[in-house]
Amino acid sequence: MDQTDGLSAFLRFERAEWAALRSSTPLTLSDDDLVALRGVNEPMALREVADIYLPLTRLLNLHFAAARNLSRVKDAFLGRPAVTSPYVVAIAGSVAVGKSTFARVLAALLARWPDHPRVELVTTDGFLYPNRELERRDLMGRKGFPESYDMRRMLAFLADVKSGTAEADAPVYSHLTYDIVPDQQQTVRRPDILVFEGLNVLQATSTTSVVVSDFFDFGIYLDGDEADIEAWYIQRFLTLQKTAFQKPTSYFHHYKDLPEAEAREVASGIWSRINRKNLQENILPTRQRADLVLRKRSDHTVGEVWLRQT
């Protein structure tokens, strides 16, 4: 365990040190569970769950209990009935770094703790403007950048969740059609924990006085070397070319028959024009705002954990 260079607000744990903090936390997922939770080209083994996720869920459980106790103290002071607010865990990081798999596995594990069985997972993809609106604003080439999101709608959703509204609706996004699904909503009903996953969720800048991160109780940043993330992105593109892109309804159907060399070139171009720029300008600068940073190695396993100490 050590302080990270240049980031003295964090304590750095090597993998084995972090794994030891699992204590007696039980492993509640099976190999079959992981098969259902894994994303495209995002390997996940039970050893990774045991070493990285279980200490994290133990930490989050302690934070959750402390937040609930503090809420009860405030209610007692004000002389009002107990008001419970969902505990919101934010997950940020680059495209292709493995956020989706990480969020699904984390949510599944958290839901198996007896103190907070109601866990919901919402991604910020649903708050992207529909393609027609992005085209109108000339933002299709900046999809995933902060300005491509309907921030007012995202803020309203989080405000409803945090205030304990009986039902809060989030739009639904299709990665197949690369667009918002018309007339479809994900309804969140007063969960104990909300896992909120997206590229730029930890940003502190906004056109309004309130920012998305104001609603978070704990922020996690998935990190990796830029060269590794680019390689993961290109490999994912090649895998999707042989699977999802083959479907006529896929937005990227026109790439389905490209020779591998050309497909690699296309993926590399998309990465350079859009995803690398977004990572460098908008996503990576938010890493310092996280409560926990998970540093991935080239094989997608976590090698280091940085825990905020201030």
C-alpha atoms as a PDB file:
ATOM      1  CA  MET A   1       0.000   0.000   0.000  1.00  0.00           C
ATOM      2  CA  ASP A   2       1.399   3.406  -0.964  1.00  0.00           C
ATOM      3  CA  GLN A   3       0.400   6.847  -2.132  1.00  0.00           C
ATOM      4  CA  THR A   4       0.049   7.246  -5.885  1.00  0.00           C
ATOM      5  CA  ASP A   5       2.631   9.458  -7.545  1.00  0.00           C
ATOM      6  CA  GLY A   6       1.117  12.881  -8.143  1.00  0.00           C
ATOM      7  CA  LEU A   7      -2.183  11.839  -6.644  1.00  0.00           C
ATOM      8  CA  SER A   8      -1.531  12.120  -2.926  1.00  0.00           C
ATOM      9  CA  ALA A   9      -5.236  12.045  -2.155  1.00  0.00           C
ATOM     10  CA  PHE A  10      -5.179   8.297  -2.914  1.00  0.00           C
ATOM     11  CA  LEU A  11      -3.752   5.254  -1.213  1.00  0.00           C
ATOM     12  CA  ARG A  12      -2.446   2.685  -3.702  1.00  0.00           C
ATOM     13  CA  PHE A  13      -2.962  -1.032  -3.141  1.00  0.00           C
ATOM     14  CA  GLU A  14      -1.293  -3.781  -5.089  1.00  0.00           C
ATOM     15  CA  ARG A  15      -3.713  -6.502  -6.114  1.00  0.00           C
ATOM     16  CA  ALA A  16      -2.755  -8.910  -3.311  1.00  0.00           C
ATOM     17  CA  GLU A  17      -3.051  -6.172  -0.677  1.00  0.00           C
ATOM     18  CA  TRP A  18      -6.514  -5.238  -1.879  1.00  0.00           C
ATOM     19  CA  ALA A  19      -7.636  -8.876  -2.094  1.00  0.00           C
ATOM     20  CA  ALA A  20      -6.706  -9.358   1.572  1.00  0.00           C
ATOM     21  CA  LEU A  21      -9.315  -6.746   2.516  1.00  0.00           C
ATOM     22  CA  ARG A  22     -12.076  -9.121   1.423  1.00  0.00           C
ATOM     23  CA  SER A  23     -12.068 -10.491   4.993  1.00  0.00           C
ATOM     24  CA  SER A  24     -14.857 -13.079   5.244  1.00  0.00           C
ATOM     25  CA  THR A  25     -17.054 -11.674   2.479  1.00  0.00           C
ATOM     26  CA  PRO A  26     -18.624 -14.712   0.753  1.00  0.00           C
ATOM     27  CA  LEU A  27     -18.457 -15.326  -2.981  1.00  0.00           C
ATOM     28  CA  THR A  28     -22.092 -15.378  -4.102  1.00  0.00           C
ATOM     29  CA  LEU A  29     -21.678 -15.641  -7.881  1.00  0.00           C
ATOM     30  CA  SER A  30     -21.029 -18.769  -9.928  1.00  0.00           C
ATOM     31  CA  ASP A  31     -19.307 -19.295 -13.279  1.00  0.00           C
ATOM     32  CA  ASP A  32     -22.744 -19.526 -14.896  1.00  0.00           C
ATOM     33  CA  ASP A  33     -23.679 -16.157 -13.388  1.00  0.00           C
ATOM     34  CA  LEU A  34     -20.560 -14.596 -14.890  1.00  0.00           C
ATOM     35  CA  VAL A  35     -21.333 -15.956 -18.344  1.00  0.00           C
ATOM     36  CA  ALA A  36     -24.608 -14.028 -18.280  1.00  0.00           C
ATOM     37  CA  LEU A  37     -22.963 -10.847 -16.979  1.00  0.00           C
ATOM     38  CA  ARG A  38     -19.883 -10.627 -19.200  1.00  0.00           C
ATOM     39  CA  GLY A  39     -19.769  -8.196 -22.114  1.00  0.00           C
ATOM     40  CA  VAL A  40     -18.150  -8.551 -25.536  1.00  0.00           C
ATOM     41  CA  ASN A  41     -14.398  -9.194 -25.226  1.00  0.00           C
ATOM     42  CA  GLU A  42     -14.493  -8.474 -21.493  1.00  0.00           C
ATOM     43  CA  PRO A  43     -13.144 -11.603 -19.777  1.00  0.00           C
ATOM     44  CA  MET A  44     -14.134 -12.187 -16.185  1.00  0.00           C
ATOM     45  CA  ALA A  45     -13.150 -15.016 -13.858  1.00  0.00           C
ATOM     46  CA  LEU A  46     -14.260 -15.886 -10.361  1.00  0.00           C
ATOM     47  CA  ARG A  47     -10.733 -15.098  -9.150  1.00  0.00           C
ATOM     48  CA  GLU A  48     -11.217 -11.510 -10.334  1.00  0.00           C
ATOM     49  CA  VAL A  49     -14.525 -11.340  -8.475  1.00  0.00           C
ATOM     50  CA  ALA A  50     -12.957 -12.689  -5.290  1.00  0.00           C
ATOM     51  CA  ASP A  51      -9.844 -10.496  -5.368  1.00  0.00           C
ATOM     52  CA  ILE A  52     -11.299  -7.192  -6.603  1.00  0.00           C
ATOM     53  CA  TYR A  53     -15.077  -7.101  -6.321  1.00  0.00           C
ATOM     54  CA  LEU A  54     -15.563  -8.684  -2.909  1.00  0.00           C
ATOM     55  CA  PRO A  55     -13.343  -6.211  -1.027  1.00  0.00           C
ATOM     56  CA  LEU A  56     -15.124  -3.443  -2.927  1.00  0.00           C
ATOM     57  CA  THR A  57     -18.600  -4.687  -2.010  1.00  0.00           C
ATOM     58  CA  ARG A  58     -17.483  -4.964   1.609  1.00  0.00           C
ATOM     59  CA  LEU A  59     -16.320  -1.336   1.495  1.00  0.00           C
ATOM     60  CA  LEU A  60     -19.528  -0.193  -0.179  1.00  0.00           C
ATOM     61  CA  ASN A  61     -21.626  -2.087   2.365  1.00  0.00           C
ATOM     62  CA  LEU A  62     -19.849  -0.233   5.169  1.00  0.00           C
ATOM     63  CA  HIS A  63     -20.399   3.086   3.397  1.00  0.00           C
ATOM     64  CA  PHE A  64     -24.056   2.234   2.829  1.00  0.00           C
ATOM     65  CA  ALA A  65     -24.590   1.428   6.512  1.00  0.00           C
ATOM     66  CA  ALA A  66     -22.843   4.634   7.589  1.00  0.00           C
ATOM     67  CA  ALA A  67     -24.970   6.715   5.200  1.00  0.00           C
ATOM     68  CA  ARG A  68     -28.166   5.133   6.508  1.00  0.00           C
ATOM     69  CA  ASN A  69     -27.126   5.782  10.113  1.00  0.00           C
ATOM     70  CA  LEU A  70     -26.340   9.414   9.328  1.00  0.00           C
ATOM     71  CA  SER A  71     -29.718   9.788   7.647  1.00  0.00           C
ATOM     72  CA  ARG A  72     -31.442   8.434  10.769  1.00  0.00           C
ATOM     73  CA  VAL A  73     -29.516  10.908  12.934  1.00  0.00           C
ATOM     74  CA  LYS A  74     -30.674  13.785  10.751  1.00  0.00           C
ATOM     75  CA  ASP A  75     -34.284  12.573  10.808  1.00  0.00           C
ATOM     76  CA  ALA A  76     -34.163  12.285  14.599  1.00  0.00           C
ATOM     77  CA  PHE A  77     -32.719  15.789  14.904  1.00  0.00           C
ATOM     78  CA  LEU A  78     -35.462  17.211  12.682  1.00  0.00           C
ATOM     79  CA  GLY A  79     -38.143  15.200  14.446  1.00  0.00           C
ATOM     80  CA  ARG A  80     -39.476  13.768  11.214  1.00  0.00           C
ATOM     81  CA  PRO A  81     -40.281  10.226  10.079  1.00  0.00           C
ATOM     82  CA  ALA A  82     -37.348   8.288   8.667  1.00  0.00           C
ATOM     83  CA  VAL A  83     -36.679   9.165   5.039  1.00  0.00           C
ATOM     84  CA  THR A  84     -34.538   6.727   3.074  1.00  0.00           C
ATOM     85  CA  SER A  85     -32.664   7.856  -0.007  1.00  0.00           C
ATOM     86  CA  PRO A  86     -31.022   5.470  -2.469  1.00  0.00           C
ATOM     87  CA  TYR A  87     -27.246   5.179  -2.203  1.00  0.00           C
ATOM     88  CA  VAL A  88     -25.849   6.073  -5.637  1.00  0.00           C
ATOM     89  CA  VAL A  89     -22.647   4.480  -6.937  1.00  0.00           C
ATOM     90  CA  ALA A  90     -21.220   6.064 -10.094  1.00  0.00           C
ATOM     91  CA  ILE A  91     -18.955   4.217 -12.536  1.00  0.00           C
ATOM     92  CA  ALA A  92     -16.900   6.183 -15.063  1.00  0.00           C
ATOM     93  CA  GLY A  93     -14.208   5.382 -17.609  1.00  0.00           C
ATOM     94  CA  SER A  94     -13.391   5.195 -21.301  1.00  0.00           C
ATOM     95  CA  VAL A  95     -15.223   3.383 -24.044  1.00  0.00           C
ATOM     96  CA  ALA A  96     -14.084  -0.291 -24.132  1.00  0.00           C
ATOM     97  CA  VAL A  97     -12.542  -0.227 -20.637  1.00  0.00           C
ATOM     98  CA  GLY A  98     -15.137  -2.703 -19.365  1.00  0.00           C
ATOM     99  CA  LYS A  99     -17.632  -0.487 -17.537  1.00  0.00           C
ATOM    100  CA  SER A 100     -20.712  -2.450 -18.579  1.00  0.00           C
ATOM    101  CA  THR A 101     -19.458  -5.805 -17.330  1.00  0.00           C
ATOM    102  CA  PHE A 102     -18.058  -4.213 -14.196  1.00  0.00           C
ATOM    103  CA  ALA A 103     -21.369  -2.487 -13.444  1.00  0.00           C
ATOM    104  CA  ARG A 104     -23.440  -5.636 -13.990  1.00  0.00           C
ATOM    105  CA  VAL A 105     -21.202  -7.795 -11.796  1.00  0.00           C
ATOM    106  CA  LEU A 106     -21.036  -5.155  -9.072  1.00  0.00           C
ATOM    107  CA  ALA A 107     -24.816  -4.693  -9.072  1.00  0.00           C
ATOM    108  CA  ALA A 108     -25.378  -8.453  -8.892  1.00  0.00           C
ATOM    109  CA  LEU A 109     -23.026  -8.786  -5.924  1.00  0.00           C
ATOM    110  CA  LEU A 110     -24.459  -5.801  -4.061  1.00  0.00           C
ATOM    111  CA  ALA A 111     -27.984  -7.203  -4.452  1.00  0.00           C
ATOM    112  CA  ARG A 112     -26.884 -10.339  -2.604  1.00  0.00           C
ATOM    113  CA  TRP A 113     -26.056  -8.393   0.567  1.00  0.00           C
ATOM    114  CA  PRO A 114     -28.969  -8.643   3.039  1.00  0.00           C
ATOM    115  CA  ASP A 115     -28.889  -4.919   3.928  1.00  0.00           C
ATOM    116  CA  HIS A 116     -29.602  -3.682   0.400  1.00  0.00           C
ATOM    117  CA  PRO A 117     -31.267  -6.323  -1.780  1.00  0.00           C
ATOM    118  CA  ARG A 118     -32.928  -3.818  -4.142  1.00  0.00           C
ATOM    119  CA  VAL A 119     -30.230  -2.694  -6.571  1.00  0.00           C
ATOM    120  CA  GLU A 120     -30.883  -0.991  -9.914  1.00  0.00           C
ATOM    121  CA  LEU A 121     -28.435  -0.371 -12.760  1.00  0.00           C
ATOM    122  CA  VAL A 122     -28.902   2.555 -15.137  1.00  0.00           C
ATOM    123  CA  THR A 123     -26.496   3.659 -17.884  1.00  0.00           C
ATOM    124  CA  THR A 124     -26.115   7.189 -19.197  1.00  0.00           C
ATOM    125  CA  ASP A 125     -26.467   5.946 -22.790  1.00  0.00           C
ATOM    126  CA  GLY A 126     -30.202   6.397 -22.438  1.00  0.00           C
ATOM    127  CA  PHE A 127     -29.706  10.107 -21.846  1.00  0.00           C
ATOM    128  CA  LEU A 128     -27.943  10.680 -25.153  1.00  0.00           C
ATOM    129  CA  TYR A 129     -29.941  12.850 -27.502  1.00  0.00           C
ATOM    130  CA  PRO A 130     -31.675  10.789 -30.225  1.00  0.00           C
ATOM    131  CA  ASN A 131     -29.700  10.586 -33.452  1.00  0.00           C
ATOM    132  CA  ARG A 132     -32.015  12.969 -35.260  1.00  0.00           C
ATOM    133  CA  GLU A 133     -31.332  15.610 -32.600  1.00  0.00           C
ATOM    134  CA  LEU A 134     -27.593  14.930 -32.684  1.00  0.00           C
ATOM    135  CA  GLU A 135     -27.687  15.373 -36.463  1.00  0.00           C
ATOM    136  CA  ARG A 136     -29.639  18.617 -36.104  1.00  0.00           C
ATOM    137  CA  ARG A 137     -26.979  19.900 -33.694  1.00  0.00           C
ATOM    138  CA  ASP A 138     -24.135  18.547 -35.848  1.00  0.00           C
ATOM    139  CA  LEU A 139     -23.001  16.306 -32.973  1.00  0.00           C
ATOM    140  CA  MET A 140     -23.050  12.807 -34.479  1.00  0.00           C
ATOM    141  CA  GLY A 141     -19.265  12.928 -34.663  1.00  0.00           C
ATOM    142  CA  ARG A 142     -19.135  13.806 -30.956  1.00  0.00           C
ATOM    143  CA  LYS A 143     -21.490  11.170 -29.627  1.00  0.00           C
ATOM    144  CA  GLY A 144     -20.465  10.390 -26.057  1.00  0.00           C
ATOM    145  CA  PHE A 145     -18.976  13.848 -25.497  1.00  0.00           C
ATOM    146  CA  PRO A 146     -20.641  15.840 -22.686  1.00  0.00           C
ATOM    147  CA  GLU A 147     -22.636  18.039 -25.081  1.00  0.00           C
ATOM    148  CA  SER A 148     -24.284  14.982 -26.688  1.00  0.00           C
ATOM    149  CA  TYR A 149     -26.295  14.215 -23.527  1.00  0.00           C
ATOM    150  CA  ASP A 150     -29.637  15.617 -22.437  1.00  0.00           C
ATOM    151  CA  MET A 151     -28.232  16.840 -19.135  1.00  0.00           C
ATOM    152  CA  ARG A 152     -31.465  18.390 -17.929  1.00  0.00           C
ATOM    153  CA  ARG A 153     -33.247  15.073 -18.262  1.00  0.00           C
ATOM    154  CA  MET A 154     -30.389  13.220 -16.578  1.00  0.00           C
ATOM    155  CA  LEU A 155     -30.336  15.675 -13.678  1.00  0.00           C
ATOM    156  CA  ALA A 156     -34.125  15.461 -13.305  1.00  0.00           C
ATOM    157  CA  PHE A 157     -33.937  11.658 -13.190  1.00  0.00           C
ATOM    158  CA  LEU A 158     -31.233  11.640 -10.516  1.00  0.00           C
ATOM    159  CA  ALA A 159     -33.073  14.275  -8.489  1.00  0.00           C
ATOM    160  CA  ASP A 160     -36.212  12.122  -8.547  1.00  0.00           C
ATOM    161  CA  VAL A 161     -34.264   9.028  -7.486  1.00  0.00           C
ATOM    162  CA  LYS A 162     -32.451  10.787  -4.670  1.00  0.00           C
ATOM    163  CA  SER A 163     -35.601  12.441  -3.359  1.00  0.00           C
ATOM    164  CA  GLY A 164     -37.298   9.058  -2.992  1.00  0.00           C
ATOM    165  CA  THR A 165     -39.862   9.483  -5.774  1.00  0.00           C
ATOM    166  CA  ALA A 166     -41.929   6.318  -6.098  1.00  0.00           C
ATOM    167  CA  GLU A 167     -41.014   5.872  -9.761  1.00  0.00           C
ATOM    168  CA  ALA A 168     -38.317   7.524 -11.869  1.00  0.00           C
ATOM    169  CA  ASP A 169     -38.107   6.848 -15.601  1.00  0.00           C
ATOM    170  CA  ALA A 170     -34.916   6.688 -17.669  1.00  0.00           C
ATOM    171  CA  PRO A 171     -34.815   6.462 -21.478  1.00  0.00           C
ATOM    172  CA  VAL A 172     -33.502   3.248 -23.059  1.00  0.00           C
ATOM    173  CA  TYR A 173     -30.666   3.070 -25.581  1.00  0.00           C
ATOM    174  CA  SER A 174     -30.049   0.343 -28.169  1.00  0.00           C
ATOM    175  CA  HIS A 175     -26.441  -0.440 -29.052  1.00  0.00           C
ATOM    176  CA  LEU A 176     -27.769  -2.385 -32.044  1.00  0.00           C
ATOM    177  CA  THR A 177     -29.548   0.567 -33.665  1.00  0.00           C
ATOM    178  CA  TYR A 178     -27.146   3.068 -32.077  1.00  0.00           C
ATOM    179  CA  ASP A 179     -30.077   5.196 -30.990  1.00  0.00           C
ATOM    180  CA  ILE A 180     -32.652   5.865 -28.275  1.00  0.00           C
ATOM    181  CA  VAL A 181     -35.522   3.349 -28.338  1.00  0.00           C
ATOM    182  CA  PRO A 182     -38.751   5.314 -28.949  1.00  0.00           C
ATOM    183  CA  ASP A 183     -41.483   5.040 -26.321  1.00  0.00           C
ATOM    184  CA  GLN A 184     -39.461   2.738 -24.055  1.00  0.00           C
ATOM    185  CA  GLN A 185     -38.488   3.565 -20.473  1.00  0.00           C
ATOM    186  CA  GLN A 186     -36.600   1.909 -17.633  1.00  0.00           C
ATOM    187  CA  THR A 187     -38.554   2.510 -14.434  1.00  0.00           C
ATOM    188  CA  VAL A 188     -36.605   2.720 -11.184  1.00  0.00           C
ATOM    189  CA  ARG A 189     -38.658   2.163  -8.032  1.00  0.00           C
ATOM    190  CA  ARG A 190     -36.917   3.346  -4.862  1.00  0.00           C
ATOM    191  CA  PRO A 191     -33.903   1.029  -4.891  1.00  0.00           C
ATOM    192  CA  ASP A 192     -31.592   0.692  -1.919  1.00  0.00           C
ATOM    193  CA  ILE A 193     -28.659   1.256  -4.263  1.00  0.00           C
ATOM    194  CA  LEU A 194     -28.536   2.760  -7.744  1.00  0.00           C
ATOM    195  CA  VAL A 195     -25.494   1.935  -9.883  1.00  0.00           C
ATOM    196  CA  PHE A 196     -25.147   4.704 -12.478  1.00  0.00           C
ATOM    197  CA  GLU A 197     -22.655   3.973 -15.250  1.00  0.00           C
ATOM    198  CA  GLY A 198     -21.335   6.221 -18.004  1.00  0.00           C
ATOM    199  CA  LEU A 199     -18.375   7.874 -19.681  1.00  0.00           C
ATOM    200  CA  ASN A 200     -18.497  11.334 -18.162  1.00  0.00           C
ATOM    201  CA  VAL A 201     -20.527  10.892 -14.980  1.00  0.00           C
ATOM    202  CA  LEU A 202     -17.823  12.281 -12.694  1.00  0.00           C
ATOM    203  CA  GLN A 203     -17.576  15.617 -14.481  1.00  0.00           C
ATOM    204  CA  ALA A 204     -17.900  18.734 -12.341  1.00  0.00           C
ATOM    205  CA  THR A 205     -18.735  21.190 -15.124  1.00  0.00           C
ATOM    206  CA  SER A 206     -22.248  21.969 -16.259  1.00  0.00           C
ATOM    207  CA  THR A 207     -24.353  24.722 -17.797  1.00  0.00           C
ATOM    208  CA  THR A 208     -26.477  24.628 -14.632  1.00  0.00           C
ATOM    209  CA  SER A 209     -25.637  25.228 -10.975  1.00  0.00           C
ATOM    210  CA  VAL A 210     -26.191  21.510 -10.264  1.00  0.00           C
ATOM    211  CA  VAL A 211     -23.977  18.790 -11.751  1.00  0.00           C
ATOM    212  CA  VAL A 212     -24.607  15.072 -12.129  1.00  0.00           C
ATOM    213  CA  SER A 213     -21.924  14.135  -9.615  1.00  0.00           C
ATOM    214  CA  ASP A 214     -23.756  16.109  -6.897  1.00  0.00           C
ATOM    215  CA  PHE A 215     -26.101  13.130  -6.600  1.00  0.00           C
ATOM    216  CA  PHE A 216     -23.409  10.478  -6.111  1.00  0.00           C
ATOM    217  CA  ASP A 217     -22.394   8.895  -2.835  1.00  0.00           C
ATOM    218  CA  PHE A 218     -19.419   6.960  -4.197  1.00  0.00           C
ATOM    219  CA  GLY A 219     -17.546   7.311  -7.486  1.00  0.00           C
ATOM    220  CA  ILE A 220     -15.500   4.590  -9.204  1.00  0.00           C
ATOM    221  CA  TYR A 221     -13.187   5.132 -12.191  1.00  0.00           C
ATOM    222  CA  LEU A 222     -12.075   2.223 -14.392  1.00  0.00           C
ATOM    223  CA  ASP A 223      -8.631   2.978 -15.751  1.00  0.00           C
ATOM    224  CA  GLY A 224      -6.039   1.468 -18.056  1.00  0.00           C
ATOM    225  CA  ASP A 225      -3.166   2.422 -20.328  1.00  0.00           C
ATOM    226  CA  GLU A 226      -4.453   4.225 -23.400  1.00  0.00           C
ATOM    227  CA  ALA A 227      -2.741   1.762 -25.743  1.00  0.00           C
ATOM    228  CA  ASP A 228      -4.498  -1.146 -24.024  1.00  0.00           C
ATOM    229  CA  ILE A 229      -7.892   0.543 -24.197  1.00  0.00           C
ATOM    230  CA  GLU A 230      -7.418   1.223 -27.913  1.00  0.00           C
ATOM    231  CA  ALA A 231      -6.511  -2.435 -28.478  1.00  0.00           C
ATOM    232  CA  TRP A 232      -9.614  -3.530 -26.549  1.00  0.00           C
ATOM    233  CA  TYR A 233     -11.770  -1.188 -28.624  1.00  0.00           C
ATOM    234  CA  ILE A 234     -10.428  -2.509 -31.932  1.00  0.00           C
ATOM    235  CA  GLN A 235     -10.811  -6.131 -30.851  1.00  0.00           C
ATOM    236  CA  ARG A 236     -14.374  -5.474 -29.709  1.00  0.00           C
ATOM    237  CA  PHE A 237     -15.142  -3.894 -33.089  1.00  0.00           C
ATOM    238  CA  LEU A 238     -13.816  -6.991 -34.882  1.00  0.00           C
ATOM    239  CA  THR A 239     -15.909  -9.278 -32.678  1.00  0.00           C
ATOM    240  CA  LEU A 240     -19.049  -7.216 -33.219  1.00  0.00           C
ATOM    241  CA  GLN A 241     -18.400  -7.232 -36.956  1.00  0.00           C
ATOM    242  CA  LYS A 242     -18.860 -11.006 -36.893  1.00  0.00           C
ATOM    243  CA  THR A 243     -21.901 -10.904 -34.582  1.00  0.00           C
ATOM    244  CA  ALA A 244     -24.112  -7.853 -33.998  1.00  0.00           C
ATOM    245  CA  PHE A 245     -23.077  -6.044 -37.203  1.00  0.00           C
ATOM    246  CA  GLN A 246     -24.393  -8.995 -39.224  1.00  0.00           C
ATOM    247  CA  LYS A 247     -27.953  -8.106 -38.250  1.00  0.00           C
ATOM    248  CA  PRO A 248     -29.737  -5.941 -40.847  1.00  0.00           C
ATOM    249  CA  THR A 249     -31.057  -3.671 -38.081  1.00  0.00           C
ATOM    250  CA  SER A 250     -27.531  -2.859 -36.866  1.00  0.00           C
ATOM    251  CA  TYR A 251     -26.425   0.736 -37.377  1.00  0.00           C
ATOM    252  CA  PHE A 252     -23.015  -0.656 -38.375  1.00  0.00           C
ATOM    253  CA  HIS A 253     -24.382  -3.319 -40.745  1.00  0.00           C
ATOM    254  CA  HIS A 254     -22.447  -1.761 -43.651  1.00  0.00           C
ATOM    255  CA  TYR A 255     -19.188  -2.851 -41.992  1.00  0.00           C
ATOM    256  CA  LYS A 256     -20.140  -6.528 -41.787  1.00  0.00           C
ATOM    257  CA  ASP A 257     -18.131  -7.779 -44.782  1.00  0.00           C
ATOM    258  CA  LEU A 258     -15.008  -5.659 -44.491  1.00  0.00           C
ATOM    259  CA  PRO A 259     -11.740  -7.618 -44.658  1.00  0.00           C
ATOM    260  CA  GLU A 260     -10.029  -7.685 -41.273  1.00  0.00           C
ATOM    261  CA  ALA A 261      -7.299  -5.232 -42.261  1.00  0.00           C
ATOM    262  CA  GLU A 262      -9.875  -2.687 -43.415  1.00  0.00           C
ATOM    263  CA  ALA A 263     -12.034  -3.311 -40.344  1.00  0.00           C
ATOM    264  CA  ARG A 264      -9.031  -2.629 -38.124  1.00  0.00           C
ATOM    265  CA  GLU A 265      -8.366   0.581 -40.009  1.00  0.00           C
ATOM    266  CA  VAL A 266     -11.968   1.716 -39.602  1.00  0.00           C
ATOM    267  CA  ALA A 267     -11.980   0.918 -35.883  1.00  0.00           C
ATOM    268  CA  SER A 268      -8.650   2.678 -35.395  1.00  0.00           C
ATOM    269  CA  GLY A 269     -10.003   5.738 -37.187  1.00  0.00           C
ATOM    270  CA  ILE A 270     -13.136   5.878 -35.032  1.00  0.00           C
ATOM    271  CA  TRP A 271     -10.990   5.504 -31.930  1.00  0.00           C
ATOM    272  CA  SER A 272      -8.641   8.321 -32.973  1.00  0.00           C
ATOM    273  CA  ARG A 273     -11.320  10.780 -34.138  1.00  0.00           C
ATOM    274  CA  ILE A 274     -13.822  10.280 -31.335  1.00  0.00           C
ATOM    275  CA  ASN A 275     -12.967   8.016 -28.437  1.00  0.00           C
ATOM    276  CA  ARG A 276      -9.331   8.983 -27.828  1.00  0.00           C
ATOM    277  CA  LYS A 277     -10.231  12.662 -27.997  1.00  0.00           C
ATOM    278  CA  ASN A 278     -13.120  12.211 -25.580  1.00  0.00           C
ATOM    279  CA  LEU A 279     -10.921  10.201 -23.210  1.00  0.00           C
ATOM    280  CA  GLN A 280      -8.135  12.771 -23.166  1.00  0.00           C
ATOM    281  CA  GLU A 281     -10.300  15.898 -23.033  1.00  0.00           C
ATOM    282  CA  ASN A 282     -13.259  14.866 -20.902  1.00  0.00           C
ATOM    283  CA  ILE A 283     -13.043  11.446 -19.257  1.00  0.00           C
ATOM    284  CA  LEU A 284      -9.504  11.048 -17.918  1.00  0.00           C
ATOM    285  CA  PRO A 285      -9.531  14.466 -16.179  1.00  0.00           C
ATOM    286  CA  THR A 286     -12.389  13.211 -13.986  1.00  0.00           C
ATOM    287  CA  ARG A 287     -10.301  10.350 -12.578  1.00  0.00           C
ATOM    288  CA  GLN A 288      -9.042  12.531  -9.734  1.00  0.00           C
ATOM    289  CA  ARG A 289     -12.638  13.045  -8.574  1.00  0.00           C
ATOM    290  CA  ALA A 290     -13.276   9.334  -8.002  1.00  0.00           C
ATOM    291  CA  ASP A 291     -13.382   7.709  -4.578  1.00  0.00           C
ATOM    292  CA  LEU A 292     -11.825   4.557  -6.031  1.00  0.00           C
ATOM    293  CA  VAL A 293      -9.729   3.950  -9.153  1.00  0.00           C
ATOM    294  CA  LEU A 294      -9.265   0.448 -10.566  1.00  0.00           C
ATOM    295  CA  ARG A 295      -6.182   0.188 -12.784  1.00  0.00           C
ATOM    296  CA  LYS A 296      -6.493  -2.592 -15.352  1.00  0.00           C
ATOM    297  CA  ARG A 297      -3.670  -4.576 -16.893  1.00  0.00           C
ATOM    298  CA  SER A 298      -3.553  -5.512 -20.577  1.00  0.00           C
ATOM    299  CA  ASP A 299      -5.465  -8.750 -19.910  1.00  0.00           C
ATOM    300  CA  HIS A 300      -8.390  -6.790 -18.373  1.00  0.00           C
ATOM    301  CA  THR A 301      -7.577  -7.901 -14.818  1.00  0.00           C
ATOM    302  CA  VAL A 302      -7.104  -5.233 -12.155  1.00  0.00           C
ATOM    303  CA  GLY A 303      -3.513  -4.802 -11.014  1.00  0.00           C
ATOM    304  CA  GLU A 304      -3.815  -1.791  -8.715  1.00  0.00           C
ATOM    305  CA  VAL A 305      -6.527  -0.135  -6.660  1.00  0.00           C
ATOM    306  CA  TRP A 306      -6.376   3.527  -5.622  1.00  0.00           C
ATOM    307  CA  LEU A 307      -8.578   4.488  -2.687  1.00  0.00           C
ATOM    308  CA  ARG A 308      -9.214   8.122  -1.851  1.00  0.00           C
ATOM    309  CA  GLN A 309      -8.037   8.958   1.647  1.00  0.00           C
ATOM    310  CA  THR A 310      -9.224  12.587   1.842  1.00  0.00           C
END
